[in-house]
Protein backbone atom coordinates (compact mmCIF):
# COMPACT_ATOMS: atom_id res chain seq x y z
CA MET A 1 59.42 129.96 184.81
CA LYS A 2 56.58 128.29 182.91
CA LEU A 3 58.08 129.55 179.65
CA TRP A 4 61.35 127.73 180.36
CA ALA A 5 59.41 124.55 181.13
CA ALA A 6 57.59 124.85 177.79
CA ILE A 7 60.89 125.35 175.96
CA SER A 8 62.54 122.36 177.67
CA GLN A 9 59.48 120.21 176.94
CA ALA A 10 59.58 121.33 173.31
CA ILE A 11 63.25 120.38 173.04
CA ALA A 12 62.49 116.95 174.50
CA GLY A 13 59.55 116.58 172.13
CA TRP A 14 61.63 117.53 169.13
CA ILE A 15 64.32 115.04 170.04
CA LYS A 16 61.62 112.36 170.04
CA ILE A 17 60.22 113.60 166.71
CA VAL A 18 63.63 113.40 165.06
CA ARG A 19 64.22 109.94 166.52
CA GLY A 20 60.80 108.74 165.38
CA ASP A 21 59.57 108.07 168.91
CA PRO A 22 55.74 107.92 169.00
CA ASP A 23 55.63 109.48 172.51
CA TRP A 24 56.54 112.95 171.21
CA ARG A 25 53.00 114.31 171.64
CA GLN A 26 53.18 114.25 175.44
CA HIS A 27 55.75 117.08 175.36
CA PHE A 28 53.49 119.61 173.64
CA VAL A 29 50.21 121.21 174.64
CA PHE A 30 47.82 121.06 171.67
CA THR A 31 45.39 123.72 172.85
CA ALA A 32 44.97 127.42 172.17
CA PRO A 33 47.07 128.33 175.27
CA GLY A 34 49.77 125.91 174.06
CA LEU A 35 49.84 127.63 170.69
CA VAL A 36 49.94 131.06 172.35
CA THR A 37 52.89 129.93 174.46
CA ALA A 38 54.73 128.67 171.36
CA LEU A 39 54.00 131.94 169.54
CA LEU A 40 55.15 133.94 172.57
CA VAL A 41 58.46 132.06 172.54
CA PHE A 42 58.74 132.81 168.82
CA ALA A 43 57.96 136.51 169.41
CA LEU A 44 60.57 136.72 172.18
CA ALA A 45 63.16 135.16 169.87
CA ALA A 46 62.22 137.64 167.12
CA PHE A 47 62.54 140.52 169.59
CA LEU A 48 65.93 139.19 170.69
CA GLY A 49 66.96 138.99 167.03
CA VAL A 50 65.96 142.61 166.42
CA ALA A 51 67.76 143.74 169.57
CA LEU A 52 70.97 141.91 168.68
CA ALA A 53 70.90 143.07 165.07
CA SER A 54 70.56 146.68 166.16
CA LEU A 55 73.36 146.74 168.75
CA ASN A 56 75.67 148.82 166.56
CA ILE A 57 73.07 151.26 165.25
CA GLY A 58 70.69 151.62 168.16
CA PHE A 59 67.32 150.04 168.81
CA PRO A 60 64.70 151.08 166.25
CA SER A 61 61.50 152.91 167.09
CA LEU A 62 58.48 150.86 168.14
CA PRO A 63 57.00 150.75 164.60
CA GLY A 64 60.43 149.83 163.22
CA ALA A 65 60.90 147.07 165.78
CA LEU A 66 57.42 145.69 165.08
CA ALA A 67 58.06 145.78 161.33
CA ALA A 68 61.34 143.92 161.80
CA MET A 69 59.60 141.34 163.99
CA LEU A 70 56.93 140.86 161.32
CA VAL A 71 59.64 140.23 158.74
CA LEU A 72 61.21 137.70 161.08
CA ALA A 73 57.78 136.00 161.36
CA LEU A 74 57.80 135.11 157.64
CA PRO A 75 58.99 131.54 158.32
CA LEU A 76 55.93 130.98 160.47
CA LEU A 77 53.66 132.42 157.78
CA ALA A 78 55.31 130.24 155.12
CA PHE A 79 54.75 127.12 157.23
CA VAL A 80 51.11 127.95 157.89
CA LEU A 81 50.48 128.66 154.20
CA SER A 82 52.10 125.40 153.12
CA ILE A 83 50.11 123.38 155.66
CA LEU A 84 46.83 125.03 154.69
CA GLY A 85 47.56 124.58 150.99
CA THR A 86 48.50 120.93 151.42
CA ARG A 87 45.44 120.24 153.55
CA ALA A 88 43.20 121.90 150.97
CA LEU A 89 44.71 119.96 148.06
CA LEU A 90 44.44 116.66 149.90
CA ARG A 91 41.06 117.53 151.42
CA SER A 92 42.62 116.26 154.63
CA PRO A 93 40.86 116.69 157.98
CA GLN A 94 44.28 117.00 159.63
CA PRO A 95 44.01 119.19 162.77
CA LEU A 96 46.32 122.19 162.76
CA LEU A 97 47.46 122.36 166.39
CA PRO A 98 49.60 119.17 166.30
CA LEU A 99 51.50 120.81 163.44
CA LEU A 100 51.53 124.44 164.52
CA VAL A 101 52.65 124.05 168.13
CA PRO A 102 55.79 121.97 167.47
CA GLY A 103 56.33 123.85 164.21
CA ALA A 104 56.45 127.18 166.03
CA TYR A 105 59.15 125.87 168.36
CA ALA A 106 61.18 124.50 165.44
CA LEU A 107 60.85 127.79 163.59
CA THR A 108 62.01 129.62 166.71
CA ALA A 109 65.19 127.56 166.72
CA PHE A 110 65.50 128.17 162.98
CA LEU A 111 65.21 131.92 163.50
CA LEU A 112 68.02 131.95 166.05
CA ILE A 113 70.30 129.57 164.15
CA GLU A 114 69.74 131.34 160.84
CA GLY A 115 70.66 134.65 162.47
CA LEU A 116 73.86 133.20 163.87
CA LEU A 117 74.82 131.63 160.54
CA ALA A 118 74.10 134.89 158.70
CA MET A 119 76.75 136.60 160.82
CA PHE A 120 79.39 134.19 159.49
CA GLY A 121 78.37 134.34 155.84
CA GLY A 122 75.31 134.36 153.65
CA PRO A 123 75.81 130.94 152.04
CA LEU A 124 75.80 129.28 155.47
CA VAL A 125 72.16 130.31 155.81
CA MET A 126 71.31 127.59 153.30
CA LEU A 127 72.32 125.05 155.96
CA ALA A 128 69.59 126.45 158.19
CA TRP A 129 67.11 126.12 155.33
CA LEU A 130 68.05 122.48 154.84
CA ALA A 131 67.79 121.82 158.56
CA ILE A 132 64.33 123.37 158.89
CA ALA A 133 63.12 121.49 155.82
CA TYR A 134 64.26 118.24 157.45
CA LEU A 135 62.65 119.11 160.80
CA LEU A 136 59.36 120.07 159.17
CA PHE A 137 59.42 116.84 157.15
CA ARG A 138 59.93 114.81 160.35
CA LEU A 139 57.08 116.70 162.02
CA LEU A 140 54.75 116.15 159.09
CA ARG A 141 55.56 112.44 159.04
CA ALA A 142 55.04 112.13 162.80
CA ALA A 143 51.87 114.22 163.10
CA THR A 144 50.01 113.28 159.92
CA ASP A 145 49.16 110.20 157.93
CA TRP A 146 50.37 111.89 154.75
CA PRO A 147 52.64 109.85 152.47
CA VAL A 148 56.38 110.50 152.47
CA ALA A 149 56.23 112.39 149.16
CA ILE A 150 53.45 114.70 150.34
CA ALA A 151 55.24 115.44 153.63
CA ALA A 152 58.48 116.13 151.76
CA CYS A 153 56.73 118.41 149.27
CA CYS A 154 55.02 120.33 152.08
CA ALA A 155 58.33 120.80 153.93
CA VAL A 156 60.09 121.94 150.75
CA LEU A 157 57.17 124.23 149.93
CA SER A 158 57.55 125.83 153.36
CA VAL A 159 61.19 126.64 152.69
CA VAL A 160 60.50 127.83 149.14
CA LEU A 161 57.75 130.11 150.44
CA LEU A 162 60.05 131.37 153.18
CA VAL A 163 62.74 132.30 150.69
CA GLY A 164 60.22 133.61 148.15
CA LEU A 165 58.43 135.81 150.67
CA ARG A 166 61.70 137.31 151.82
CA LEU A 167 62.89 137.95 148.26
CA ALA A 168 59.57 139.51 147.32
CA LEU A 169 59.65 141.74 150.38
CA TYR A 170 63.24 142.73 149.62
CA MET A 171 62.39 143.58 146.01
CA LEU A 172 59.37 145.61 147.06
CA SER A 173 61.29 147.50 149.72
CA SER A 174 64.28 148.24 147.50
CA SER A 175 62.17 149.40 144.57
CA ALA A 176 60.00 151.63 146.75
CA GLY A 177 62.78 154.19 147.16
CA ILE A 178 63.54 154.48 143.44
CA ALA A 179 61.88 157.39 141.65
CA PRO A 180 60.56 156.72 138.11
């Protein structure tokens, strides 16, 4: 039941982030257990995505399911890399938890929405990319003192890394089966 409370609090917090309400922080827990809860919600959504995607062919083996969940975790990795890179370039003392906890919840919603849009057609997935770029921009503006241009660049970098990581993984996996 605590997981549902965390999800409903995250939804309320994200509504306030999008609206620009400064009280958004009260809906998230910026501690290690809060981050673990957000990552657990993300992992459950990734598991649900693997289970739904494999309905017609059967659930994969444990290593296959874990590999698929790791691939689905690429948006989270892209966001973390873009935050760390931006912080390093700016030499900013910005704490990570106020970005990672709400970011993990937003990326969970992105994962589910992107999966639904992919069922209706590949080009619709770009709508999910635009939506997550906007949400990450709003988060970066709310949680940091970074200028608008820096927050926008970091949000766009997250999406570019997300797409780039997936394309690189696809190219590596498709070329691995080809004999020279």
